[in-house]
Amino acid sequence: MAHSEAFYKKPEECHYSFFQHRECEFFPCHPTDHPEDFNCLFCYCPLYALGEKCKGNFRYTENGVKDCSNCLIPHNRKSYSYIISRYPELMELAKRKEEPHE
């Protein structure tokens, strides 16, 4: 596919939205019935920082740590557009807060 063709396709129809690292010692890092569709592109989920607003299948441990071991949202072959659609929320978290004027 030429670069120009990629502009007219859904991200999930392009190669850049899916990656597998089958040589990884942890592949797949979450239990799945479909390892052929396991996407390693978002190995560390960008949505983790959204805490309870991530909309994934997570739980909090007794120590208050977010445990995402039962979540496959970032690892689904077709999740690229969904993850990217949540980036405005992540940008808000990372935005510099104005310091109060004294």
C-alpha atoms as a PDB file:
ATOM      1  CA  MET A   1       0.000   0.000   0.000  1.00  0.00           C
ATOM      2  CA  ALA A   2       1.294   3.424  -0.927  1.00  0.00           C
ATOM      3  CA  HIS A   3       1.482   6.139   1.734  1.00  0.00           C
ATOM      4  CA  SER A   4      -1.289   8.099   0.051  1.00  0.00           C
ATOM      5  CA  GLU A   5      -3.631   5.078   0.167  1.00  0.00           C
ATOM      6  CA  ALA A   6      -3.252   4.845   3.950  1.00  0.00           C
ATOM      7  CA  PHE A   7      -4.918   8.254   4.337  1.00  0.00           C
ATOM      8  CA  TYR A   8      -8.163   6.825   2.943  1.00  0.00           C
ATOM      9  CA  LYS A   9      -8.334   3.673   5.032  1.00  0.00           C
ATOM     10  CA  LYS A  10      -9.428   3.020   8.587  1.00  0.00           C
ATOM     11  CA  PRO A  11      -6.405   2.665  10.880  1.00  0.00           C
ATOM     12  CA  GLU A  12      -7.376  -0.952  11.585  1.00  0.00           C
ATOM     13  CA  GLU A  13      -6.984  -1.684   7.863  1.00  0.00           C
ATOM     14  CA  CYS A  14      -3.347  -0.476   7.942  1.00  0.00           C
ATOM     15  CA  HIS A  15      -0.265  -2.284   9.194  1.00  0.00           C
ATOM     16  CA  TYR A  16       0.802   0.482  11.597  1.00  0.00           C
ATOM     17  CA  SER A  17      -2.152  -0.270  13.894  1.00  0.00           C
ATOM     18  CA  PHE A  18      -1.142  -3.859  14.679  1.00  0.00           C
ATOM     19  CA  PHE A  19       2.108  -5.377  15.899  1.00  0.00           C
ATOM     20  CA  GLN A  20       3.015  -8.696  17.493  1.00  0.00           C
ATOM     21  CA  HIS A  21       6.228  -9.518  19.265  1.00  0.00           C
ATOM     22  CA  ARG A  22       5.982 -13.302  19.364  1.00  0.00           C
ATOM     23  CA  GLU A  23       9.594 -13.583  20.531  1.00  0.00           C
ATOM     24  CA  CYS A  24       8.737 -11.684  23.723  1.00  0.00           C
ATOM     25  CA  GLU A  25       9.169 -13.861  26.786  1.00  0.00           C
ATOM     26  CA  PHE A  26       5.720 -12.765  27.995  1.00  0.00           C
ATOM     27  CA  PHE A  27       3.745 -13.203  24.752  1.00  0.00           C
ATOM     28  CA  PRO A  28       0.851 -13.128  25.205  1.00  0.00           C
ATOM     29  CA  CYS A  29       0.986 -11.239  28.489  1.00  0.00           C
ATOM     30  CA  HIS A  30      -2.759 -11.665  29.121  1.00  0.00           C
ATOM     31  CA  PRO A  31      -4.795 -14.860  28.736  1.00  0.00           C
ATOM     32  CA  THR A  32      -6.527 -14.938  25.354  1.00  0.00           C
ATOM     33  CA  ASP A  33      -8.376 -17.424  23.189  1.00  0.00           C
ATOM     34  CA  HIS A  34      -7.093 -15.630  20.079  1.00  0.00           C
ATOM     35  CA  PRO A  35      -3.305 -15.132  20.244  1.00  0.00           C
ATOM     36  CA  GLU A  36      -3.261 -14.454  16.477  1.00  0.00           C
ATOM     37  CA  ASP A  37      -5.182 -11.215  17.172  1.00  0.00           C
ATOM     38  CA  PHE A  38      -3.143 -10.163  20.214  1.00  0.00           C
ATOM     39  CA  ASN A  39      -1.788  -6.656  19.583  1.00  0.00           C
ATOM     40  CA  CYS A  40       1.480  -5.691  21.287  1.00  0.00           C
ATOM     41  CA  LEU A  41       1.467  -2.118  19.938  1.00  0.00           C
ATOM     42  CA  PHE A  42       0.248  -0.715  23.257  1.00  0.00           C
ATOM     43  CA  CYS A  43       2.307  -3.036  25.439  1.00  0.00           C
ATOM     44  CA  TYR A  44       1.888  -0.630  28.345  1.00  0.00           C
ATOM     45  CA  CYS A  45      -1.641   0.704  28.093  1.00  0.00           C
ATOM     46  CA  PRO A  46      -1.843   4.481  27.646  1.00  0.00           C
ATOM     47  CA  LEU A  47      -5.279   4.402  29.308  1.00  0.00           C
ATOM     48  CA  TYR A  48      -3.818   3.224  32.633  1.00  0.00           C
ATOM     49  CA  ALA A  49      -3.273   6.862  33.587  1.00  0.00           C
ATOM     50  CA  LEU A  50      -7.006   7.531  33.339  1.00  0.00           C
ATOM     51  CA  GLY A  51      -7.544   5.510  36.507  1.00  0.00           C
ATOM     52  CA  GLU A  52     -11.176   4.569  37.024  1.00  0.00           C
ATOM     53  CA  LYS A  53     -12.144   6.378  33.801  1.00  0.00           C
ATOM     54  CA  CYS A  54     -10.216   4.015  31.506  1.00  0.00           C
ATOM     55  CA  LYS A  55     -13.338   1.870  30.885  1.00  0.00           C
ATOM     56  CA  GLY A  56     -11.272  -1.322  30.937  1.00  0.00           C
ATOM     57  CA  ASN A  57     -11.706  -4.549  32.883  1.00  0.00           C
ATOM     58  CA  PHE A  58      -9.540  -3.710  35.905  1.00  0.00           C
ATOM     59  CA  ARG A  59      -9.642  -4.017  39.664  1.00  0.00           C
ATOM     60  CA  TYR A  60      -7.780  -2.394  42.520  1.00  0.00           C
ATOM     61  CA  THR A  61      -5.623  -4.580  44.731  1.00  0.00           C
ATOM     62  CA  GLU A  62      -5.757  -4.427  48.507  1.00  0.00           C
ATOM     63  CA  ASN A  63      -2.842  -1.966  48.328  1.00  0.00           C
ATOM     64  CA  GLY A  64      -4.789   0.335  45.994  1.00  0.00           C
ATOM     65  CA  VAL A  65      -2.773  -0.568  42.876  1.00  0.00           C
ATOM     66  CA  LYS A  66      -4.685  -0.782  39.611  1.00  0.00           C
ATOM     67  CA  ASP A  67      -4.531  -4.360  38.264  1.00  0.00           C
ATOM     68  CA  CYS A  68      -5.311  -4.626  34.557  1.00  0.00           C
ATOM     69  CA  SER A  69      -4.374  -8.281  34.102  1.00  0.00           C
ATOM     70  CA  ASN A  70      -7.938  -9.148  32.971  1.00  0.00           C
ATOM     71  CA  CYS A  71      -8.160  -6.315  30.435  1.00  0.00           C
ATOM     72  CA  LEU A  72      -7.589  -6.840  26.722  1.00  0.00           C
ATOM     73  CA  ILE A  73      -8.648  -3.410  25.414  1.00  0.00           C
ATOM     74  CA  PRO A  74      -5.140  -2.311  24.329  1.00  0.00           C
ATOM     75  CA  HIS A  75      -4.331  -5.781  23.007  1.00  0.00           C
ATOM     76  CA  ASN A  76      -7.255  -6.232  20.640  1.00  0.00           C
ATOM     77  CA  ARG A  77      -6.424  -6.164  16.944  1.00  0.00           C
ATOM     78  CA  LYS A  78      -9.144  -3.539  16.366  1.00  0.00           C
ATOM     79  CA  SER A  79      -8.500  -1.264  19.364  1.00  0.00           C
ATOM     80  CA  TYR A  80      -6.183   1.275  17.723  1.00  0.00           C
ATOM     81  CA  SER A  81      -8.881   3.846  16.900  1.00  0.00           C
ATOM     82  CA  TYR A  82     -10.440   3.502  20.325  1.00  0.00           C
ATOM     83  CA  ILE A  83      -7.126   4.065  22.140  1.00  0.00           C
ATOM     84  CA  ILE A  84      -6.278   7.051  19.928  1.00  0.00           C
ATOM     85  CA  SER A  85      -9.771   8.513  20.482  1.00  0.00           C
ATOM     86  CA  ARG A  86      -9.023   8.699  24.222  1.00  0.00           C
ATOM     87  CA  TYR A  87      -5.821  10.737  23.782  1.00  0.00           C
ATOM     88  CA  PRO A  88      -7.530  14.102  24.435  1.00  0.00           C
ATOM     89  CA  GLU A  89      -8.285  12.863  27.969  1.00  0.00           C
ATOM     90  CA  LEU A  90      -4.647  11.859  28.430  1.00  0.00           C
ATOM     91  CA  MET A  91      -3.483  15.227  27.115  1.00  0.00           C
ATOM     92  CA  GLU A  92      -5.653  16.965  29.720  1.00  0.00           C
ATOM     93  CA  LEU A  93      -3.938  14.939  32.450  1.00  0.00           C
ATOM     94  CA  ALA A  94      -0.512  15.867  31.119  1.00  0.00           C
ATOM     95  CA  LYS A  95      -1.290  19.531  30.495  1.00  0.00           C
ATOM     96  CA  ARG A  96       0.742  21.987  32.564  1.00  0.00           C
ATOM     97  CA  LYS A  97      -1.360  23.458  35.313  1.00  0.00           C
ATOM     98  CA  GLU A  98      -1.074  27.185  35.708  1.00  0.00           C
ATOM     99  CA  GLU A  99       0.485  28.198  38.962  1.00  0.00           C
ATOM    100  CA  PRO A 100      -1.673  30.503  41.064  1.00  0.00           C
ATOM    101  CA  HIS A 101      -0.709  34.155  40.806  1.00  0.00           C
ATOM    102  CA  GLU A 102       0.285  35.682  44.125  1.00  0.00           C
END
